[in-house]
C-alpha atoms as a PDB file:
ATOM      1  CA  GLN A   1    -130.565  -5.398  19.249  1.00  0.00           C
ATOM      2  CA  VAL A   2    -133.471  -7.375  17.876  1.00  0.00           C
ATOM      3  CA  GLN A   3    -135.877  -6.026  15.310  1.00  0.00           C
ATOM      4  CA  LEU A   4    -139.355  -7.507  15.065  1.00  0.00           C
ATOM      5  CA  VAL A   5    -141.291  -6.892  11.866  1.00  0.00           C
ATOM      6  CA  GLU A   6    -144.973  -7.789  11.762  1.00  0.00           C
ATOM      7  CA  SER A   7    -147.173  -8.286   8.738  1.00  0.00           C
ATOM      8  CA  GLY A   8    -150.576  -9.628   7.858  1.00  0.00           C
ATOM      9  CA  GLY A   9    -152.991  -7.284   9.592  1.00  0.00           C
ATOM     10  CA  GLY A  10    -156.022  -5.812   7.904  1.00  0.00           C
ATOM     11  CA  LEU A  11    -159.796  -5.675   7.714  1.00  0.00           C
ATOM     12  CA  VAL A  12    -161.783  -8.901   7.912  1.00  0.00           C
ATOM     13  CA  GLN A  13    -165.444  -9.745   8.343  1.00  0.00           C
ATOM     14  CA  PRO A  14    -166.740 -11.470  11.475  1.00  0.00           C
ATOM     15  CA  GLY A  15    -166.181 -15.204  11.207  1.00  0.00           C
ATOM     16  CA  GLY A  16    -163.265 -14.724   8.861  1.00  0.00           C
ATOM     17  CA  SER A  17    -159.621 -15.664   9.194  1.00  0.00           C
ATOM     18  CA  LEU A  18    -156.322 -13.836   9.108  1.00  0.00           C
ATOM     19  CA  ARG A  19    -152.695 -14.816   9.579  1.00  0.00           C
ATOM     20  CA  LEU A  20    -150.098 -12.587  11.183  1.00  0.00           C
ATOM     21  CA  SER A  21    -146.355 -13.043  10.781  1.00  0.00           C
ATOM     22  CA  CYS A  22    -143.464 -11.715  12.801  1.00  0.00           C
ATOM     23  CA  ALA A  23    -139.843 -12.015  11.767  1.00  0.00           C
ATOM     24  CA  ALA A  24    -136.978 -11.381  14.158  1.00  0.00           C
ATOM     25  CA  SER A  25    -133.688 -10.082  12.857  1.00  0.00           C
ATOM     26  CA  GLY A  26    -130.367  -8.989  14.286  1.00  0.00           C
ATOM     27  CA  THR A  27    -127.431 -10.864  15.733  1.00  0.00           C
ATOM     28  CA  ILE A  28    -129.484 -13.163  17.921  1.00  0.00           C
ATOM     29  CA  PHE A  29    -127.816 -15.774  20.093  1.00  0.00           C
ATOM     30  CA  ASP A  30    -130.989 -17.303  21.486  1.00  0.00           C
ATOM     31  CA  ILE A  31    -134.732 -16.712  21.660  1.00  0.00           C
ATOM     32  CA  ASN A  32    -136.447 -17.802  24.840  1.00  0.00           C
ATOM     33  CA  ALA A  33    -139.965 -17.034  23.646  1.00  0.00           C
ATOM     34  CA  MET A  34    -141.919 -15.207  20.995  1.00  0.00           C
ATOM     35  CA  GLY A  35    -145.523 -14.257  21.006  1.00  0.00           C
ATOM     36  CA  TRP A  36    -148.326 -11.856  20.366  1.00  0.00           C
ATOM     37  CA  TYR A  37    -150.070  -9.305  22.526  1.00  0.00           C
ATOM     38  CA  ARG A  38    -152.882  -6.989  21.576  1.00  0.00           C
ATOM     39  CA  GLN A  39    -154.272  -3.693  22.734  1.00  0.00           C
ATOM     40  CA  ALA A  40    -157.667  -2.261  21.924  1.00  0.00           C
ATOM     41  CA  PRO A  41    -158.462   1.440  22.427  1.00  0.00           C
ATOM     42  CA  GLY A  42    -159.015   2.198  26.077  1.00  0.00           C
ATOM     43  CA  LYS A  43    -157.906  -1.258  27.208  1.00  0.00           C
ATOM     44  CA  GLN A  44    -154.739  -2.737  28.626  1.00  0.00           C
ATOM     45  CA  ARG A  45    -152.358  -4.734  26.507  1.00  0.00           C
ATOM     46  CA  GLU A  46    -153.145  -8.439  26.870  1.00  0.00           C
ATOM     47  CA  LEU A  47    -151.519 -11.717  25.990  1.00  0.00           C
ATOM     48  CA  VAL A  48    -152.827 -13.383  22.854  1.00  0.00           C
ATOM     49  CA  ALA A  49    -150.401 -16.280  22.435  1.00  0.00           C
ATOM     50  CA  ILE A  50    -146.828 -17.249  23.229  1.00  0.00           C
ATOM     51  CA  ILE A  51    -144.531 -20.024  22.082  1.00  0.00           C
ATOM     52  CA  ARG A  52    -141.441 -20.906  24.076  1.00  0.00           C
ATOM     53  CA  SER A  53    -138.110 -22.251  22.917  1.00  0.00           C
ATOM     54  CA  GLY A  54    -139.122 -25.796  23.807  1.00  0.00           C
ATOM     55  CA  GLY A  55    -142.314 -25.506  21.800  1.00  0.00           C
ATOM     56  CA  SER A  56    -144.836 -25.101  24.598  1.00  0.00           C
ATOM     57  CA  THR A  57    -147.612 -22.595  24.013  1.00  0.00           C
ATOM     58  CA  ASP A  58    -150.052 -20.509  26.015  1.00  0.00           C
ATOM     59  CA  TYR A  59    -153.103 -18.605  24.885  1.00  0.00           C
ATOM     60  CA  GLY A  60    -155.280 -15.873  26.273  1.00  0.00           C
ATOM     61  CA  GLU A  61    -158.622 -17.213  27.428  1.00  0.00           C
ATOM     62  CA  SER A  62    -160.613 -15.262  24.870  1.00  0.00           C
ATOM     63  CA  VAL A  63    -158.751 -16.753  21.885  1.00  0.00           C
ATOM     64  CA  LYS A  64    -158.383 -20.384  22.938  1.00  0.00           C
ATOM     65  CA  GLY A  65    -159.696 -22.715  20.276  1.00  0.00           C
ATOM     66  CA  ARG A  66    -159.730 -19.978  17.636  1.00  0.00           C
ATOM     67  CA  PHE A  67    -156.109 -18.815  17.345  1.00  0.00           C
ATOM     68  CA  THR A  68    -153.007 -20.918  16.775  1.00  0.00           C
ATOM     69  CA  ILE A  69    -149.407 -19.814  17.208  1.00  0.00           C
ATOM     70  CA  SER A  70    -146.607 -21.533  15.327  1.00  0.00           C
ATOM     71  CA  ARG A  71    -143.053 -20.836  14.215  1.00  0.00           C
ATOM     72  CA  ASP A  72    -140.658 -21.747  11.449  1.00  0.00           C
ATOM     73  CA  GLY A  73    -137.782 -24.189  11.817  1.00  0.00           C
ATOM     74  CA  GLY A  74    -135.284 -21.445  12.490  1.00  0.00           C
ATOM     75  CA  LYS A  75    -137.438 -20.215  15.374  1.00  0.00           C
ATOM     76  CA  LYS A  76    -137.048 -16.593  14.301  1.00  0.00           C
ATOM     77  CA  THR A  77    -140.441 -16.233  12.626  1.00  0.00           C
ATOM     78  CA  VAL A  78    -143.730 -16.781  14.372  1.00  0.00           C
ATOM     79  CA  TYR A  79    -147.194 -16.946  12.932  1.00  0.00           C
ATOM     80  CA  LEU A  80    -150.594 -16.341  14.437  1.00  0.00           C
ATOM     81  CA  GLN A  81    -153.431 -18.026  12.593  1.00  0.00           C
ATOM     82  CA  MET A  82    -156.661 -16.371  13.649  1.00  0.00           C
ATOM     83  CA  SER A  83    -159.993 -18.005  12.834  1.00  0.00           C
ATOM     84  CA  ASP A  84    -163.625 -17.275  13.647  1.00  0.00           C
ATOM     85  CA  LEU A  85    -162.716 -13.662  14.233  1.00  0.00           C
ATOM     86  CA  LYS A  86    -165.056 -11.528  16.299  1.00  0.00           C
ATOM     87  CA  SER A  87    -165.488  -7.785  16.575  1.00  0.00           C
ATOM     88  CA  GLU A  88    -163.879  -7.926  20.021  1.00  0.00           C
ATOM     89  CA  ASP A  89    -160.668  -9.170  18.392  1.00  0.00           C
ATOM     90  CA  THR A  90    -160.230  -5.724  16.870  1.00  0.00           C
ATOM     91  CA  ALA A  91    -156.975  -4.321  18.214  1.00  0.00           C
ATOM     92  CA  THR A  92    -153.396  -3.503  17.432  1.00  0.00           C
ATOM     93  CA  TYR A  93    -151.398  -6.714  17.589  1.00  0.00           C
ATOM     94  CA  TYR A  94    -147.807  -6.526  18.805  1.00  0.00           C
ATOM     95  CA  CYS A  95    -145.116  -9.100  18.337  1.00  0.00           C
ATOM     96  CA  HIS A  96    -143.007  -9.731  21.428  1.00  0.00           C
ATOM     97  CA  SER A  97    -139.770 -11.595  22.019  1.00  0.00           C
ATOM     98  CA  GLU A  98    -137.465 -12.495  24.868  1.00  0.00           C
ATOM     99  CA  ALA A  99    -134.080 -12.809  23.258  1.00  0.00           C
ATOM    100  CA  TRP A 100    -130.368 -12.671  23.901  1.00  0.00           C
ATOM    101  CA  ALA A 101    -128.658 -10.657  21.241  1.00  0.00           C
ATOM    102  CA  ARG A 102    -125.365  -9.000  20.539  1.00  0.00           C
ATOM    103  CA  GLY A 103    -124.857  -5.989  22.764  1.00  0.00           C
ATOM    104  CA  SER A 104    -126.710  -7.519  25.701  1.00  0.00           C
ATOM    105  CA  THR A 105    -125.445  -9.645  28.562  1.00  0.00           C
ATOM    106  CA  SER A 106    -128.822 -11.214  29.262  1.00  0.00           C
ATOM    107  CA  TYR A 107    -132.220 -11.861  27.737  1.00  0.00           C
ATOM    108  CA  MET A 108    -134.217  -8.748  27.012  1.00  0.00           C
ATOM    109  CA  GLU A 109    -137.719  -7.991  25.858  1.00  0.00           C
ATOM    110  CA  TYR A 110    -138.377  -6.608  22.405  1.00  0.00           C
ATOM    111  CA  TRP A 111    -141.545  -5.315  20.771  1.00  0.00           C
ATOM    112  CA  GLY A 112    -142.636  -4.829  17.212  1.00  0.00           C
ATOM    113  CA  GLN A 113    -144.347  -1.700  15.926  1.00  0.00           C
ATOM    114  CA  GLY A 114    -147.758  -3.343  15.856  1.00  0.00           C
ATOM    115  CA  THR A 115    -150.186  -4.285  13.118  1.00  0.00           C
ATOM    116  CA  GLN A 116    -153.850  -3.344  13.082  1.00  0.00           C
ATOM    117  CA  VAL A 117    -156.536  -6.007  12.915  1.00  0.00           C
ATOM    118  CA  THR A 118    -160.078  -4.790  12.377  1.00  0.00           C
ATOM    119  CA  VAL A 119    -163.023  -7.176  12.427  1.00  0.00           C
ATOM    120  CA  SER A 120    -166.085  -5.531  10.983  1.00  0.00           C
ATOM    121  CA  SER A 121    -168.857  -6.125   8.496  1.00  0.00           C
END
């Protein structure tokens, strides 16, 4: 099993910045990718950003140029630096991972509990 623990959410004014963190723990053999999704009330969950084991990244169209995903050297913690935040960025942000861990025979998907980001004046 893999546990994903998010931190860094909160209330920020439009145009402000915020950094989210997500740490993966457990007996992890390999992580194929880690990333962030978000879900606003009444909307579907959408991709925010993903970083793969080789270092390649992808971003949702609405956050390109404003958000940056990165990870630490051990590849078990990812960060999402969010800048120029807009009211439409308000959502619950979920950490996501594709990982191979003890107890599994293949890569599986894991989700964090979510952290709220509210952009409001």
